[in-house]
Amino acid sequence: MKDFVLLGAYIKYYVALRSEGKFPIKNHFVNAIIFMAAGWCLLQAFNPSLGSPIVGVFGLKTYLFYIPLIWMMPALFPTEEELYKFLRLHLFLMIPVGILGIVQFVSPASSPINSYVQSEVANVEVATFIGDDLKAGGVRITGTFSYINNYAAYLLACFGLLIPLLSLKQLKWWYWATITEILLVTINSLMTGSRSTVFSAVLFLLGYLGINGLSNPSGIVRLLKPFFIPSVVVSIAGFVGFRRAVDAFVGRTTANSDISTRVFGTMTEALSFIKYKAVDGFGTGATHLGSAALRNALNLPTGEVIPVGYEGEMGRIALELGPIGFILWYGLRISIIIALFLVFCKLKRPLLRQLALSAFLIHAIWINGQLVFHHTFALYYWFFTSFIFLLPRLEQVTNWQQQLQWLNSDVESAYLPDSSDGQSEFP
């Protein structure tokens, strides 16, 4: 449904809107790599190994559909205040989702509130923490999402947006709302049992504090001050009110020793899969789980059989796009990381600067995570990518507004003489 809404936005912006209302696609090195990667993906959509180009077009959507967002954002948010209000409201709406997650955790696995989206070929059972009595709860929560990995990515994206708001002076009501949201994101992340989400959040926080500390060593106290109250609130709530969630996550983490294998295995997997094709791959969509259902529904040819099992995204990208496509795609992702860091170094406005740093950290930490095959995180990924163009534009607009205010104040002081009671009057 969100994709149909976004398609309508694309048509309105790129087709119906006049050129003066659009943000120009600049000659930027990220744009150049995007077009090269998109060209290769388009070529692979018609790969004969797929058996049908319909599967290729379906796969092409997973790679490219959200990219046009990055050129829409500068037109969507004309000022820094508009962006802040959007982020504030977006994060406020996660409060009921976080409360739902807590209700799911304390409810039994048999409860309707813990139902997963079912597959046509298999009955999907509700995941629980190891050693928990199913009747007593211990469910790995999904919030309003269809499965754990979708909710986990949503929580990480929200965490990355919440941290910059802590250093911003807000009304007291919104300040405590931000702390509540951080608490819910933290507790819900533990309740998902997703180790990648929790470890990514820890790495994000360390990177955020470390980079800010290195860039401004004299302001380290001012940097840490906004984190004191949220840290106390989260710690007390975690170890008193939600101790069971903490214990469940720790138990799941210590019971499994496959963390390093899952992290580094996804990187080495891609290198071992490249040997199956000389130049190209099996085509976009060849490894997508929805392709089988699409073939069955439309009675499409099966295509070439992939002679190896696959799970991680890096390996699947290597199989679908081949060695050239793999280099182009991950070259694009690395170039985006570099561009976001350069934006962070360039910006001066506090909120915009911290948002750029958050986007950089999310991209860097999730470099081997799912993107193409993750329809939730993909939307956030390209939204964060838009900061390359959006944030410098907003700082430029803010500087223009300040200059106009200064000019107007200079004009008023020059042409409006002071009266005897200290008030300025027109001559």
Protein backbone atom coordinates (compact mmCIF):
# COMPACT_ATOMS: atom_id res chain seq x y z
CA MET A 1 0.00 0.00 0.00
CA LYS A 2 2.80 2.45 0.86
CA ASP A 3 4.34 1.77 -2.55
CA PHE A 4 1.13 2.77 -4.33
CA VAL A 5 0.97 5.97 -2.27
CA LEU A 6 4.61 6.67 -3.10
CA LEU A 7 3.97 5.99 -6.79
CA GLY A 8 1.26 8.65 -6.72
CA ALA A 9 3.70 11.08 -5.12
CA TYR A 10 6.26 10.32 -7.84
CA ILE A 11 3.72 11.01 -10.58
CA LYS A 12 2.66 14.27 -8.92
CA TYR A 13 6.23 15.47 -8.42
CA TYR A 14 8.07 14.24 -11.52
CA VAL A 15 5.23 14.47 -14.07
CA ALA A 16 2.61 16.99 -12.95
CA LEU A 17 4.73 19.51 -11.04
CA ARG A 18 6.32 22.35 -12.95
CA SER A 19 10.10 22.47 -13.16
CA GLU A 20 10.43 25.57 -10.98
CA GLY A 21 8.95 23.63 -8.05
CA LYS A 22 11.45 20.78 -8.36
CA PHE A 23 14.88 20.34 -6.85
CA PRO A 24 17.43 20.04 -9.69
CA ILE A 25 19.31 16.74 -9.97
CA LYS A 26 22.82 18.06 -9.60
CA ASN A 27 26.07 16.79 -11.05
CA HIS A 28 27.05 14.90 -7.89
CA PHE A 29 29.27 11.82 -7.72
CA VAL A 30 26.53 9.88 -5.88
CA ASN A 31 24.06 10.62 -8.68
CA ALA A 32 26.55 9.40 -11.26
CA ILE A 33 27.02 6.08 -9.46
CA ILE A 34 23.26 5.74 -8.97
CA PHE A 35 22.68 5.99 -12.71
CA MET A 36 25.43 3.47 -13.46
CA ALA A 37 24.07 0.97 -10.92
CA ALA A 38 20.52 1.55 -12.14
CA GLY A 39 21.59 0.93 -15.73
CA TRP A 40 23.13 -2.41 -14.81
CA CYS A 41 20.05 -3.41 -12.79
CA LEU A 42 17.85 -2.55 -15.77
CA LEU A 43 20.01 -4.76 -17.98
CA GLN A 44 19.76 -7.64 -15.50
CA ALA A 45 15.97 -7.32 -15.40
CA PHE A 46 15.95 -8.83 -18.91
CA ASN A 47 18.45 -11.58 -18.10
CA PRO A 48 17.45 -14.80 -19.94
CA SER A 49 18.25 -16.80 -16.79
CA LEU A 50 15.10 -15.43 -15.17
CA GLY A 51 12.85 -17.21 -17.63
CA SER A 52 10.55 -14.18 -17.85
CA PRO A 53 11.20 -10.41 -17.84
CA ILE A 54 8.15 -10.00 -15.57
CA VAL A 55 10.18 -11.46 -12.73
CA GLY A 56 13.00 -9.10 -13.67
CA VAL A 57 10.75 -6.03 -13.52
CA PHE A 58 9.49 -7.18 -10.13
CA GLY A 59 13.09 -7.52 -8.94
CA LEU A 60 14.00 -4.17 -10.48
CA LYS A 61 11.42 -2.51 -8.24
CA THR A 62 13.18 -3.79 -5.11
CA TYR A 63 16.45 -2.15 -6.19
CA LEU A 64 15.32 1.17 -7.61
CA PHE A 65 11.79 2.11 -6.56
CA TYR A 66 12.72 4.17 -3.49
CA ILE A 67 15.71 5.99 -4.99
CA PRO A 68 13.71 8.94 -6.44
CA LEU A 69 12.91 9.93 -2.86
CA ILE A 70 16.33 11.50 -2.51
CA TRP A 71 15.54 14.19 -5.11
CA MET A 72 12.05 14.90 -3.72
CA MET A 73 13.00 15.64 -0.12
CA PRO A 74 14.54 19.13 -0.70
CA ALA A 75 11.23 20.21 -2.26
CA LEU A 76 9.13 18.55 0.44
CA PHE A 77 10.83 20.29 3.38
CA PRO A 78 11.40 23.98 2.58
CA THR A 79 12.79 24.88 6.02
CA GLU A 80 14.62 23.28 8.94
CA GLU A 81 11.57 23.83 11.13
CA GLU A 82 9.35 21.87 8.73
CA LEU A 83 11.77 18.93 8.84
CA TYR A 84 11.91 19.05 12.63
CA LYS A 85 8.10 19.06 12.93
CA PHE A 86 7.85 16.08 10.58
CA LEU A 87 10.45 14.07 12.53
CA ARG A 88 8.84 15.03 15.82
CA LEU A 89 5.41 13.82 14.68
CA HIS A 90 6.80 10.69 13.02
CA LEU A 91 8.57 9.68 16.23
CA PHE A 92 5.56 10.56 18.37
CA LEU A 93 3.47 8.09 16.38
CA MET A 94 5.77 5.26 17.44
CA ILE A 95 4.55 5.56 21.06
CA PRO A 96 1.36 3.51 20.48
CA VAL A 97 3.39 1.04 18.43
CA GLY A 98 5.87 0.66 21.30
CA ILE A 99 3.03 0.18 23.80
CA LEU A 100 1.57 -2.49 21.53
CA GLY A 101 4.94 -4.24 21.56
CA ILE A 102 4.91 -4.42 25.36
CA VAL A 103 1.37 -5.86 25.27
CA GLN A 104 2.54 -8.48 22.77
CA PHE A 105 5.46 -9.48 24.97
CA VAL A 106 3.32 -10.10 28.04
CA SER A 107 0.63 -11.91 26.00
CA PRO A 108 0.86 -15.63 25.22
CA ALA A 109 2.05 -16.82 21.83
CA SER A 110 -1.43 -18.17 21.14
CA SER A 111 -2.98 -14.71 21.48
CA PRO A 112 -4.41 -13.18 18.25
CA ILE A 113 -2.34 -10.06 18.96
CA ASN A 114 0.80 -12.13 18.27
CA SER A 115 -0.22 -13.56 14.90
CA TYR A 116 2.32 -13.39 12.08
CA VAL A 117 1.52 -13.01 8.41
CA GLN A 118 1.09 -16.53 7.08
CA SER A 119 2.77 -17.96 3.99
CA GLU A 120 0.96 -19.80 1.23
CA VAL A 121 3.43 -22.68 1.43
CA ALA A 122 4.07 -22.97 5.18
CA ASN A 123 2.51 -22.26 8.56
CA VAL A 124 4.57 -19.52 10.21
CA GLU A 125 4.85 -20.08 13.96
CA VAL A 126 5.28 -17.22 16.40
CA ALA A 127 8.92 -16.94 17.48
CA THR A 128 9.63 -17.04 21.22
CA PHE A 129 12.67 -16.67 23.42
CA ILE A 130 14.58 -19.84 24.33
CA GLY A 131 13.38 -21.56 27.48
CA ASP A 132 10.23 -19.50 27.94
CA ASP A 133 6.91 -21.05 28.77
CA LEU A 134 4.71 -20.25 25.77
CA LYS A 135 1.66 -19.76 27.99
CA ALA A 136 3.51 -17.22 30.11
CA GLY A 137 4.61 -15.06 27.19
CA GLY A 138 8.17 -14.47 26.07
CA VAL A 139 7.11 -13.74 22.50
CA ARG A 140 9.57 -12.03 20.17
CA ILE A 141 7.44 -9.05 19.27
CA THR A 142 6.70 -7.56 15.84
CA GLY A 143 4.70 -4.43 16.70
CA THR A 144 2.41 -3.56 13.79
CA PHE A 145 4.74 -5.25 11.29
CA SER A 146 4.48 -8.60 9.56
CA TYR A 147 7.64 -10.09 11.02
CA ILE A 148 10.49 -9.38 13.43
CA ASN A 149 13.07 -8.09 10.95
CA ASN A 150 10.70 -5.39 9.66
CA TYR A 151 9.98 -4.09 13.15
CA ALA A 152 13.65 -4.30 14.13
CA ALA A 153 14.69 -2.07 11.22
CA TYR A 154 11.94 0.42 12.07
CA LEU A 155 13.18 0.62 15.67
CA LEU A 156 16.78 1.20 14.57
CA ALA A 157 15.71 3.98 12.19
CA CYS A 158 13.68 5.64 14.96
CA PHE A 159 16.63 5.37 17.35
CA GLY A 160 18.86 7.07 14.79
CA LEU A 161 16.39 9.96 14.49
CA LEU A 162 15.75 10.30 18.22
CA ILE A 163 19.34 10.77 19.37
CA PRO A 164 19.89 14.09 17.50
CA LEU A 165 16.70 15.49 19.06
CA LEU A 166 18.16 15.08 22.57
CA SER A 167 20.67 17.84 21.93
CA LEU A 168 17.94 20.17 20.65
CA LYS A 169 16.17 22.64 22.92
CA GLN A 170 12.51 21.62 22.86
CA LEU A 171 9.40 22.48 24.83
CA LYS A 172 9.27 20.46 28.05
CA TRP A 173 6.35 18.38 26.79
CA TRP A 174 8.19 17.35 23.62
CA TYR A 175 11.40 16.75 25.59
CA TRP A 176 9.69 14.18 27.81
CA ALA A 177 7.95 12.70 24.78
CA THR A 178 11.40 12.18 23.25
CA ILE A 179 12.62 10.41 26.40
CA THR A 180 9.50 8.22 26.38
CA GLU A 181 10.14 7.30 22.76
CA ILE A 182 13.77 6.39 23.51
CA LEU A 183 12.59 4.19 26.37
CA LEU A 184 10.04 2.41 24.19
CA VAL A 185 12.52 1.94 21.33
CA THR A 186 15.08 0.45 23.73
CA ILE A 187 12.66 -1.90 25.49
CA ASN A 188 10.99 -2.98 22.24
CA SER A 189 14.38 -3.66 20.65
CA LEU A 190 15.15 -6.08 23.48
CA MET A 191 11.72 -7.68 23.15
CA THR A 192 12.26 -8.39 19.45
CA GLY A 193 15.26 -10.55 20.35
CA SER A 194 17.04 -9.05 17.35
CA ARG A 195 20.71 -8.99 18.25
CA SER A 196 21.65 -7.08 15.12
CA THR A 197 19.29 -4.24 16.09
CA VAL A 198 20.53 -3.93 19.67
CA PHE A 199 24.21 -4.23 18.74
CA SER A 200 23.71 -1.73 15.91
CA ALA A 201 22.12 0.73 18.34
CA VAL A 202 25.07 0.34 20.71
CA LEU A 203 27.55 0.88 17.87
CA PHE A 204 25.50 3.87 16.72
CA LEU A 205 25.61 5.48 20.16
CA LEU A 206 29.35 4.85 20.55
CA GLY A 207 30.02 6.26 17.08
CA TYR A 208 27.77 9.25 17.68
CA LEU A 209 29.45 10.21 20.95
CA GLY A 210 32.93 9.33 19.70
CA ILE A 211 32.81 11.34 16.46
CA ASN A 212 31.20 14.34 18.17
CA GLY A 213 33.77 14.15 20.95
CA LEU A 214 36.68 14.03 18.51
CA SER A 215 35.30 16.89 16.41
CA ASN A 216 34.78 19.09 19.49
CA PRO A 217 36.83 17.84 22.48
CA SER A 218 36.17 20.97 24.52
CA GLY A 219 32.41 20.42 24.34
CA ILE A 220 32.37 16.84 25.58
CA VAL A 221 30.54 17.76 28.81
CA ARG A 222 27.89 19.68 26.90
CA LEU A 223 27.58 16.69 24.54
CA LEU A 224 27.02 14.14 27.32
CA LYS A 225 24.67 16.30 29.42
CA PRO A 226 21.48 15.63 27.36
CA PHE A 227 22.03 11.87 27.71
CA PHE A 228 22.07 11.83 31.53
CA ILE A 229 18.31 11.84 32.21
CA PRO A 230 17.41 9.43 29.35
CA SER A 231 20.14 7.03 30.54
CA VAL A 232 18.78 7.06 34.09
CA VAL A 233 15.19 6.57 32.93
CA VAL A 234 16.06 3.71 30.56
CA SER A 235 18.30 1.99 33.13
CA ILE A 236 15.73 2.10 35.92
CA ALA A 237 12.90 1.00 33.64
CA GLY A 238 14.98 -1.76 32.08
CA PHE A 239 16.24 -3.33 35.28
CA VAL A 240 13.12 -2.76 37.39
CA GLY A 241 10.00 -2.58 35.25
CA PHE A 242 11.18 -4.63 32.26
CA ARG A 243 13.74 -6.97 33.81
CA ARG A 244 12.15 -9.97 32.10
CA ALA A 245 12.75 -8.44 28.68
CA VAL A 246 16.40 -7.77 29.53
CA ASP A 247 16.87 -11.32 30.83
CA ALA A 248 15.18 -12.80 27.76
CA PHE A 249 17.46 -10.91 25.40
CA VAL A 250 20.60 -11.71 27.38
CA GLY A 251 19.59 -15.36 27.48
CA ARG A 252 19.08 -15.45 23.72
CA THR A 253 22.41 -13.72 23.11
CA THR A 254 24.46 -15.96 25.41
CA ALA A 255 22.76 -19.14 24.20
CA ASN A 256 23.93 -18.56 20.62
CA SER A 257 27.55 -18.28 19.52
CA ASP A 258 26.90 -17.60 15.85
CA ILE A 259 27.17 -13.81 15.96
CA SER A 260 30.61 -13.53 14.34
CA THR A 261 29.65 -16.15 11.76
CA ARG A 262 26.52 -14.25 10.81
CA VAL A 263 28.36 -10.94 10.56
CA PHE A 264 31.43 -12.02 8.58
CA GLY A 265 29.77 -14.95 6.82
CA THR A 266 27.54 -12.60 4.83
CA MET A 267 30.64 -10.83 3.49
CA THR A 268 32.56 -13.94 2.47
CA GLU A 269 29.44 -15.55 1.02
CA ALA A 270 29.31 -13.01 -1.80
CA LEU A 271 32.87 -13.82 -2.91
CA SER A 272 32.11 -17.53 -3.08
CA PHE A 273 28.93 -16.93 -5.12
CA ILE A 274 30.58 -14.82 -7.82
CA LYS A 275 32.11 -17.96 -9.38
CA TYR A 276 28.69 -19.16 -10.58
CA LYS A 277 28.52 -16.47 -13.26
CA ALA A 278 31.30 -14.99 -15.38
CA VAL A 279 30.05 -11.44 -15.96
CA ASP A 280 26.34 -11.08 -15.31
CA GLY A 281 24.15 -12.79 -12.71
CA PHE A 282 20.89 -14.72 -12.64
CA GLY A 283 18.90 -11.49 -12.97
CA THR A 284 17.09 -9.07 -10.66
CA GLY A 285 14.49 -10.88 -8.59
CA ALA A 286 16.08 -14.31 -9.05
CA THR A 287 16.53 -14.82 -5.31
CA HIS A 288 13.53 -12.80 -4.12
CA LEU A 289 11.04 -14.81 -2.07
CA GLY A 290 8.15 -13.20 -3.91
CA SER A 291 9.36 -14.38 -7.31
CA ALA A 292 8.20 -17.95 -6.72
CA ALA A 293 4.70 -16.74 -5.84
CA LEU A 294 4.72 -14.47 -8.91
CA ARG A 295 5.69 -17.36 -11.17
CA ASN A 296 2.96 -19.57 -9.71
CA ALA A 297 0.28 -16.87 -9.99
CA LEU A 298 1.09 -15.99 -13.62
CA ASN A 299 2.30 -19.44 -14.70
CA LEU A 300 5.71 -18.10 -15.71
CA PRO A 301 8.74 -20.22 -16.68
CA THR A 302 10.91 -21.30 -13.76
CA GLY A 303 14.14 -19.95 -15.21
CA GLU A 304 17.66 -21.17 -14.55
CA VAL A 305 18.09 -23.04 -11.27
CA ILE A 306 20.51 -21.39 -8.82
CA PRO A 307 22.91 -24.17 -7.75
CA VAL A 308 23.50 -22.95 -4.18
CA GLY A 309 21.55 -22.00 -1.08
CA TYR A 310 21.47 -18.34 -0.05
CA GLU A 311 20.28 -16.16 2.82
CA GLY A 312 22.41 -13.03 3.33
CA GLU A 313 21.82 -10.00 1.13
CA MET A 314 25.42 -9.67 -0.07
CA GLY A 315 25.36 -13.20 -1.46
CA ARG A 316 21.98 -12.67 -3.08
CA ILE A 317 23.15 -9.44 -4.73
CA ALA A 318 26.17 -11.31 -6.11
CA LEU A 319 23.89 -14.02 -7.51
CA GLU A 320 21.40 -11.62 -9.07
CA LEU A 321 23.72 -8.94 -10.49
CA GLY A 322 26.98 -10.84 -10.91
CA PRO A 323 30.45 -9.47 -10.11
CA ILE A 324 30.05 -6.21 -12.07
CA GLY A 325 26.69 -5.45 -10.55
CA PHE A 326 27.92 -6.36 -7.08
CA ILE A 327 30.81 -3.89 -7.38
CA LEU A 328 28.50 -1.16 -8.71
CA TRP A 329 25.85 -1.69 -6.03
CA TYR A 330 28.15 -1.77 -3.04
CA GLY A 331 30.30 0.94 -4.58
CA LEU A 332 27.12 3.03 -4.53
CA ARG A 333 26.46 2.22 -0.88
CA ILE A 334 30.03 3.11 0.10
CA SER A 335 29.89 6.35 -1.89
CA ILE A 336 26.72 7.32 -0.04
CA ILE A 337 28.48 6.73 3.29
CA ILE A 338 31.36 8.96 2.19
CA ALA A 339 28.99 11.67 0.94
CA LEU A 340 27.04 11.73 4.20
CA PHE A 341 30.23 12.10 6.22
CA LEU A 342 31.34 14.99 4.00
CA VAL A 343 27.95 16.64 4.57
CA PHE A 344 28.39 16.20 8.32
CA CYS A 345 31.81 17.88 8.18
CA LYS A 346 30.45 20.75 6.09
CA LEU A 347 27.30 21.66 8.04
CA LYS A 348 27.24 24.18 10.90
CA ARG A 349 23.63 24.12 12.14
CA PRO A 350 23.46 21.76 15.17
CA LEU A 351 20.33 19.76 14.29
CA LEU A 352 21.21 19.37 10.62
CA ARG A 353 24.77 18.38 11.48
CA GLN A 354 23.63 15.69 13.92
CA LEU A 355 21.07 14.33 11.46
CA ALA A 356 23.84 13.96 8.87
CA LEU A 357 25.95 12.10 11.41
CA SER A 358 23.03 9.81 12.26
CA ALA A 359 22.45 8.99 8.60
CA PHE A 360 26.17 8.30 8.12
CA LEU A 361 26.25 5.92 11.09
CA ILE A 362 23.09 4.05 10.08
CA HIS A 363 24.46 3.52 6.57
CA ALA A 364 27.90 2.47 7.77
CA ILE A 365 26.69 0.07 10.47
CA TRP A 366 24.11 -1.56 8.18
CA ILE A 367 26.47 -1.95 5.20
CA ASN A 368 26.09 -5.74 5.14
CA GLY A 369 22.47 -5.74 6.28
CA GLN A 370 19.33 -6.16 4.22
CA LEU A 371 18.23 -3.31 1.98
CA VAL A 372 17.06 -4.58 -1.40
CA PHE A 373 15.12 -7.42 0.21
CA HIS A 374 13.80 -5.35 3.12
CA HIS A 375 10.83 -3.26 2.06
CA THR A 376 10.71 -1.40 5.40
CA PHE A 377 14.35 -0.46 5.80
CA ALA A 378 14.66 0.40 2.09
CA LEU A 379 12.30 3.33 2.55
CA TYR A 380 14.28 4.64 5.53
CA TYR A 381 17.60 3.99 3.79
CA TRP A 382 16.81 6.28 0.87
CA PHE A 383 15.18 8.83 3.17
CA PHE A 384 18.47 9.03 5.09
CA THR A 385 20.33 9.18 1.78
CA SER A 386 18.32 12.25 0.80
CA PHE A 387 20.15 14.12 3.58
CA ILE A 388 23.05 14.48 1.13
CA PHE A 389 20.96 17.03 -0.76
CA LEU A 390 18.33 18.06 1.79
CA LEU A 391 20.45 19.17 4.74
CA PRO A 392 22.86 21.51 2.87
CA ARG A 393 19.83 23.01 1.16
CA LEU A 394 18.11 23.67 4.49
CA GLU A 395 21.23 25.27 5.96
CA GLN A 396 21.50 27.47 2.89
CA VAL A 397 17.86 28.55 3.25
CA THR A 398 18.35 29.29 6.96
CA ASN A 399 21.43 31.39 6.21
CA TRP A 400 19.48 33.34 3.61
CA GLN A 401 16.68 34.00 6.11
CA GLN A 402 19.13 35.21 8.75
CA GLN A 403 20.85 37.51 6.29
CA LEU A 404 17.50 39.02 5.30
CA GLN A 405 16.64 39.58 8.96
CA TRP A 406 19.99 41.28 9.56
CA LEU A 407 19.52 43.47 6.49
CA ASN A 408 16.00 44.43 7.58
CA SER A 409 17.20 45.25 11.10
CA ASP A 410 20.03 47.39 9.67
CA VAL A 411 17.57 49.26 7.47
CA GLU A 412 15.20 49.88 10.38
CA SER A 413 17.99 51.13 12.63
CA ALA A 414 19.23 53.49 9.91
CA TYR A 415 15.87 55.01 8.91
CA LEU A 416 13.77 54.74 12.09
CA PRO A 417 15.11 57.22 14.74
CA ASP A 418 14.62 56.46 18.43
CA SER A 419 11.86 58.35 20.20
CA SER A 420 12.07 59.76 23.67
CA ASP A 421 10.32 56.74 25.26
CA GLY A 422 12.70 54.26 23.65
CA GLN A 423 10.22 53.02 21.02
CA SER A 424 10.94 53.16 17.30
CA GLU A 425 8.52 55.14 15.21
CA PHE A 426 8.04 55.83 11.52
CA PRO A 427 9.22 59.26 10.50
